[in-house]
Amino acid sequence: MNIQNLRQELICLINKNKNSFQEAEEIVTKFLNEGITKYGNTFLKKHLRTCGDIPEIFPHDSTEEKIYSKYSDVLLAITFTKLGLNAKVLSERGDSADVDVFDNINDFSFVADAKTFRLSRTEKNQKDFKVQAMNNWKKNKNYAIIICPQHQLPSKTSQIYFQSGQNGVGILTYNHLSYLIAIKEKKKELDIGNILKNYFLNIKVENPSKIANLYWQRINQNFKNHFYDIESWQSEKKIEIDELETKKKLAQTVYNDQIRYIKNLNKEDAIKQLLDSLKLESKIETINNVSLVNCM
């Protein structure tokens, strides 16, 4: 099961059902559960490592992109369920987190937000991570957490790390979740909920810092204090490095194909496509339809 086949299968599923947005959660839930039943947690971990990257082939702000966002929410809920917690996707959109999670055994709850970005994204804006917003969105829950693709996080300094320590909002990567799934496979009796509860208790600090390394050293030390499977940890890091190169090549292919297509256009077709993309005639029509309102 390689990344290319996995991504292509998901893209085909979303394209096939882009006119069925209301049923998107049900469709992607069935897709993921059937895959896990067939391939086990290997399927789940593969999706966790790739779901943070929106396929470049999907148009911006499209239905396909919205279904992809729903897919990442469902994946998050399934993952926390596999880790022994109770999780459900929230139906509200807008000013709300994506997933509700409860742990009845350890008596705590949290909301989670699945972050997805394009590899072609040029800026790492702190507003994209919504750390402070998540602090408000937890409402009656104990904690809040943001799950991000590792390669999209600020690598040196960022206000998001300061805000995390200040507000007690967790930031983890999809690879951390993949690692937890691998550990749970090996040690079925392990109480992941208790480990996550301790993780949340240690997020808020007296002197928060914007320095990325300080944040990740503190966070990863929390996991090491409870368990540390060096083999699984190093394996996860190596897989992320190797698979990132594959993901970059797949994303680049989309734009290389577009470049070749444009270069092969004749002059007339090229002009037509340029005009269509700029929507100049539509803008002229909009201007032409402007009229006064009878308010005087």
Protein backbone atom coordinates (compact mmCIF):
# COMPACT_ATOMS: atom_id res chain seq x y z
CA MET A 1 0.00 0.00 0.00
CA ASN A 2 2.06 2.97 -1.24
CA ILE A 3 1.26 6.66 -0.83
CA GLN A 4 0.46 7.19 -4.50
CA ASN A 5 -2.21 4.46 -4.56
CA LEU A 6 -3.62 5.53 -1.21
CA ARG A 7 -3.91 9.18 -2.31
CA GLN A 8 -5.32 8.27 -5.70
CA GLU A 9 -8.00 6.08 -4.13
CA LEU A 10 -9.00 8.90 -1.79
CA ILE A 11 -9.03 11.51 -4.58
CA CYS A 12 -11.22 9.25 -6.74
CA LEU A 13 -13.62 8.70 -3.83
CA ILE A 14 -13.97 12.45 -3.22
CA ASN A 15 -14.34 13.32 -6.92
CA LYS A 16 -16.98 10.62 -7.31
CA ASN A 17 -19.00 11.98 -4.36
CA LYS A 18 -18.44 15.74 -4.71
CA ASN A 19 -22.16 16.22 -5.40
CA SER A 20 -23.03 14.39 -2.18
CA PHE A 21 -21.50 16.75 0.37
CA GLN A 22 -24.31 16.15 2.90
CA GLU A 23 -23.34 12.48 3.04
CA ALA A 24 -19.57 13.16 3.09
CA GLU A 25 -19.06 12.10 6.71
CA GLU A 26 -20.85 8.80 6.15
CA ILE A 27 -18.95 8.14 2.90
CA VAL A 28 -15.46 8.76 4.30
CA THR A 29 -16.27 6.91 7.54
CA LYS A 30 -17.24 3.82 5.55
CA PHE A 31 -14.12 4.17 3.37
CA LEU A 32 -11.76 4.39 6.37
CA ASN A 33 -13.44 1.65 8.43
CA GLU A 34 -13.43 -0.76 5.47
CA GLY A 35 -9.73 -0.03 4.90
CA ILE A 36 -8.86 -0.62 8.55
CA THR A 37 -10.85 -3.86 8.55
CA LYS A 38 -8.98 -5.05 5.46
CA TYR A 39 -5.44 -3.82 6.19
CA GLY A 40 -5.45 -3.21 9.94
CA ASN A 41 -3.74 -0.29 11.64
CA THR A 42 -1.20 -0.04 8.81
CA PHE A 43 -3.97 1.57 6.77
CA LEU A 44 -4.81 3.97 9.61
CA LYS A 45 -1.18 5.00 10.14
CA LYS A 46 -0.68 5.59 6.41
CA HIS A 47 -3.64 7.96 6.35
CA LEU A 48 -2.44 9.75 9.48
CA ARG A 49 0.90 10.44 7.83
CA THR A 50 -0.65 11.83 4.64
CA CYS A 51 -3.97 13.44 5.62
CA GLY A 52 -2.37 16.76 6.61
CA ASP A 53 -1.65 17.51 2.93
CA ILE A 54 -4.60 18.70 0.83
CA PRO A 55 -4.25 17.23 -2.69
CA GLU A 56 -3.04 20.00 -5.01
CA ILE A 57 -5.41 18.74 -7.70
CA PHE A 58 -8.42 19.98 -5.71
CA PRO A 59 -9.46 23.57 -6.59
CA HIS A 60 -9.20 26.13 -3.78
CA ASP A 61 -12.38 26.55 -1.69
CA SER A 62 -14.04 23.75 -3.67
CA THR A 63 -16.51 21.09 -2.57
CA GLU A 64 -13.69 18.57 -2.95
CA GLU A 65 -11.60 20.54 -0.48
CA LYS A 66 -14.51 20.69 1.98
CA ILE A 67 -15.04 16.92 1.74
CA TYR A 68 -11.30 16.46 2.34
CA SER A 69 -11.63 18.53 5.50
CA LYS A 70 -14.47 16.25 6.63
CA TYR A 71 -12.26 13.23 5.89
CA SER A 72 -9.52 14.58 8.20
CA ASP A 73 -12.11 15.13 10.97
CA VAL A 74 -13.40 11.57 10.64
CA LEU A 75 -9.85 10.19 10.61
CA LEU A 76 -9.10 12.04 13.84
CA ALA A 77 -12.23 10.68 15.54
CA ILE A 78 -11.46 7.11 14.43
CA THR A 79 -7.88 7.44 15.67
CA PHE A 80 -8.87 8.58 19.17
CA THR A 81 -11.44 5.77 19.28
CA LYS A 82 -8.73 3.25 18.37
CA LEU A 83 -6.64 4.67 21.22
CA GLY A 84 -9.40 3.71 23.67
CA LEU A 85 -11.32 6.99 23.97
CA ASN A 86 -14.82 8.00 22.86
CA ALA A 87 -14.78 10.43 19.95
CA LYS A 88 -17.28 11.95 17.55
CA VAL A 89 -17.15 14.49 14.72
CA LEU A 90 -18.92 17.73 15.55
CA SER A 91 -21.64 18.78 13.14
CA GLU A 92 -21.20 22.52 13.67
CA ARG A 93 -18.96 24.40 11.26
CA GLY A 94 -17.36 27.81 11.62
CA ASP A 95 -16.58 28.86 15.18
CA SER A 96 -16.14 25.36 16.52
CA ALA A 97 -13.59 22.59 16.88
CA ASP A 98 -13.81 19.50 14.66
CA VAL A 99 -13.95 16.59 17.09
CA ASP A 100 -15.25 15.95 20.62
CA VAL A 101 -13.30 13.41 22.70
CA PHE A 102 -14.23 11.87 26.07
CA ASP A 103 -12.36 9.53 28.37
CA ASN A 104 -14.78 8.05 30.90
CA ILE A 105 -12.05 5.99 32.60
CA ASN A 106 -9.79 8.95 33.40
CA ASP A 107 -12.68 11.42 33.62
CA PHE A 108 -11.60 14.16 31.21
CA SER A 109 -12.61 15.54 27.85
CA PHE A 110 -11.17 17.66 25.08
CA VAL A 111 -11.90 19.09 21.66
CA ALA A 112 -9.57 18.47 18.74
CA ASP A 113 -9.00 20.30 15.47
CA ALA A 114 -7.50 18.63 12.39
CA LYS A 115 -5.30 21.01 10.42
CA THR A 116 -4.70 20.39 6.71
CA PHE A 117 -2.64 22.50 4.31
CA ARG A 118 -1.34 22.39 0.77
CA LEU A 119 2.35 21.69 0.24
CA SER A 120 2.32 24.75 -2.06
CA ARG A 121 1.33 26.95 0.89
CA THR A 122 3.80 29.81 1.09
CA GLU A 123 3.35 31.19 4.60
CA LYS A 124 3.05 29.70 8.07
CA ASN A 125 0.65 32.25 9.54
CA GLN A 126 -0.14 31.85 13.24
CA LYS A 127 -3.81 32.65 12.47
CA ASP A 128 -4.04 29.43 10.41
CA PHE A 129 -3.48 27.36 13.55
CA LYS A 130 -6.13 29.15 15.66
CA VAL A 131 -4.53 28.31 19.00
CA GLN A 132 -6.29 31.08 20.91
CA ALA A 133 -9.61 30.33 19.19
CA MET A 134 -9.32 26.69 20.33
CA ASN A 135 -9.06 27.89 23.91
CA ASN A 136 -12.53 29.42 23.50
CA TRP A 137 -13.92 26.52 21.48
CA LYS A 138 -13.34 23.98 24.24
CA LYS A 139 -16.45 25.44 25.95
CA ASN A 140 -17.38 22.94 28.69
CA LYS A 141 -14.54 20.53 27.85
CA ASN A 142 -11.39 20.32 29.96
CA TYR A 143 -8.83 20.73 27.22
CA ALA A 144 -8.20 21.49 23.54
CA ILE A 145 -5.66 20.20 21.02
CA ILE A 146 -4.61 20.97 17.45
CA ILE A 147 -3.26 18.17 15.24
CA CYS A 148 -0.96 19.41 12.46
CA PRO A 149 1.24 17.98 9.69
CA GLN A 150 4.78 18.00 11.04
CA HIS A 151 6.35 19.66 8.00
CA GLN A 152 3.90 22.60 8.11
CA LEU A 153 4.73 23.67 11.65
CA PRO A 154 7.05 26.66 12.26
CA SER A 155 10.49 25.15 12.82
CA LYS A 156 12.26 27.95 14.74
CA THR A 157 10.03 30.45 16.53
CA SER A 158 6.34 31.22 16.42
CA GLN A 159 3.63 32.83 18.48
CA ILE A 160 1.69 29.53 18.33
CA TYR A 161 4.11 27.91 20.79
CA PHE A 162 3.80 30.88 23.16
CA GLN A 163 0.00 30.77 22.86
CA SER A 164 0.00 27.03 23.50
CA GLY A 165 1.95 27.40 26.74
CA GLN A 166 -0.06 30.46 27.77
CA ASN A 167 -3.53 28.99 27.14
CA GLY A 168 -2.85 25.29 27.69
CA VAL A 169 -3.90 24.35 24.16
CA GLY A 170 -2.02 21.30 22.91
CA ILE A 171 -0.21 21.04 19.59
CA LEU A 172 0.68 17.59 18.30
CA THR A 173 1.44 16.14 14.87
CA TYR A 174 -0.27 13.37 12.95
CA ASN A 175 2.98 11.44 13.39
CA HIS A 176 2.57 11.56 17.17
CA LEU A 177 -0.84 9.93 16.73
CA SER A 178 0.63 7.32 14.37
CA TYR A 179 3.27 6.58 17.01
CA LEU A 180 0.58 6.20 19.70
CA ILE A 181 -1.33 3.77 17.46
CA ALA A 182 1.88 1.72 17.01
CA ILE A 183 2.49 1.68 20.78
CA LYS A 184 -1.11 0.68 21.51
CA GLU A 185 -0.73 -2.21 19.05
CA LYS A 186 2.30 -3.49 20.97
CA LYS A 187 0.91 -2.86 24.46
CA LYS A 188 -2.85 -3.31 24.31
CA GLU A 189 -3.20 -2.84 28.07
CA LEU A 190 -1.58 0.63 27.90
CA ASP A 191 -3.89 3.43 29.08
CA ILE A 192 -3.37 6.07 26.39
CA GLY A 193 -6.07 8.23 27.97
CA ASN A 194 -4.06 8.59 31.16
CA ILE A 195 -0.96 9.53 29.15
CA LEU A 196 -2.91 12.16 27.20
CA LYS A 197 -4.39 13.55 30.41
CA ASN A 198 -0.89 14.02 31.84
CA TYR A 199 0.15 15.58 28.55
CA PHE A 200 -2.64 18.16 28.86
CA LEU A 201 -1.76 18.88 32.49
CA ASN A 202 1.79 19.78 31.44
CA ILE A 203 1.01 22.04 28.47
CA LYS A 204 0.31 25.27 30.32
CA VAL A 205 3.51 26.79 31.73
CA GLU A 206 4.41 29.82 33.79
CA ASN A 207 6.88 31.25 31.29
CA PRO A 208 5.75 30.24 27.78
CA SER A 209 8.25 30.57 24.93
CA LYS A 210 8.00 31.13 21.18
CA ILE A 211 10.97 28.79 20.56
CA ALA A 212 9.90 25.62 18.73
CA ASN A 213 12.66 23.37 20.11
CA LEU A 214 11.81 24.23 23.70
CA TYR A 215 8.17 23.37 23.12
CA TRP A 216 8.85 20.02 21.43
CA GLN A 217 11.50 18.99 23.95
CA ARG A 218 9.01 19.53 26.76
CA ILE A 219 6.15 17.78 24.96
CA ASN A 220 8.14 14.76 23.81
CA GLN A 221 9.65 14.39 27.27
CA ASN A 222 6.11 13.87 28.57
CA PHE A 223 5.70 10.83 26.33
CA LYS A 224 9.15 9.54 27.27
CA ASN A 225 8.27 9.75 30.96
CA HIS A 226 5.38 7.31 30.42
CA PHE A 227 6.80 5.03 27.77
CA TYR A 228 9.47 5.26 25.16
CA ASP A 229 9.75 2.72 22.38
CA ILE A 230 12.94 3.91 20.70
CA GLU A 231 12.42 1.58 17.74
CA SER A 232 8.89 2.84 17.01
CA TRP A 233 9.91 6.47 17.58
CA GLN A 234 12.87 6.32 15.20
CA SER A 235 10.84 4.34 12.68
CA GLU A 236 8.11 7.01 12.67
CA LYS A 237 10.68 9.78 12.16
CA LYS A 238 12.37 7.91 9.29
CA ILE A 239 9.06 7.13 7.58
CA GLU A 240 8.04 10.81 7.75
CA ILE A 241 11.32 11.89 6.13
CA ASP A 242 11.07 9.28 3.36
CA GLU A 243 7.37 9.80 2.67
CA LEU A 244 7.65 13.60 2.58
CA GLU A 245 9.82 13.30 -0.53
CA THR A 246 7.17 11.11 -2.17
CA LYS A 247 4.41 13.55 -1.22
CA LYS A 248 6.42 16.45 -2.68
CA LYS A 249 6.90 14.62 -5.97
CA LEU A 250 3.17 13.83 -6.22
CA ALA A 251 2.27 17.47 -5.55
CA GLN A 252 4.85 18.73 -8.06
CA THR A 253 3.45 16.39 -10.72
CA VAL A 254 0.12 18.24 -10.63
CA TYR A 255 1.77 21.56 -11.51
CA ASN A 256 4.26 20.08 -13.97
CA ASP A 257 1.31 18.55 -15.85
CA GLN A 258 -0.40 21.96 -15.89
CA ILE A 259 2.75 23.65 -17.19
CA ARG A 260 3.03 21.11 -20.02
CA TYR A 261 -0.65 21.54 -20.87
CA ILE A 262 -0.35 25.34 -21.05
CA LYS A 263 2.79 25.19 -23.15
CA ASN A 264 0.97 23.01 -25.70
CA LEU A 265 -1.98 25.40 -26.09
CA ASN A 266 -2.28 27.36 -29.32
CA LYS A 267 -2.54 31.16 -29.08
CA GLU A 268 -6.35 31.29 -29.37
CA ASP A 269 -6.95 28.67 -26.69
CA ALA A 270 -4.35 30.25 -24.41
CA ILE A 271 -6.04 33.67 -24.66
CA LYS A 272 -9.48 32.12 -24.02
CA GLN A 273 -8.26 30.26 -20.92
CA LEU A 274 -6.53 33.37 -19.60
CA LEU A 275 -9.70 35.43 -20.03
CA ASP A 276 -11.78 32.70 -18.36
CA SER A 277 -9.40 32.50 -15.41
CA LEU A 278 -9.47 36.28 -14.90
CA LYS A 279 -13.29 36.33 -15.25
CA LEU A 280 -13.11 39.71 -16.98
CA GLU A 281 -16.37 39.35 -18.93
CA SER A 282 -18.18 38.27 -15.76
CA LYS A 283 -16.87 41.36 -13.96
CA ILE A 284 -18.05 43.62 -16.81
CA GLU A 285 -21.50 42.00 -16.61
CA THR A 286 -21.61 42.53 -12.84
CA ILE A 287 -20.71 46.21 -13.28
CA ASN A 288 -23.35 46.56 -16.00
CA ASN A 289 -26.04 45.16 -13.67
CA VAL A 290 -25.36 47.67 -10.89
CA SER A 291 -28.44 49.83 -10.27
CA LEU A 292 -29.74 52.26 -7.72
CA VAL A 293 -31.90 51.11 -4.88
CA ASN A 294 -35.19 52.97 -4.49
CA CYS A 295 -34.38 54.45 -1.10
CA MET A 296 -34.84 58.19 -1.78
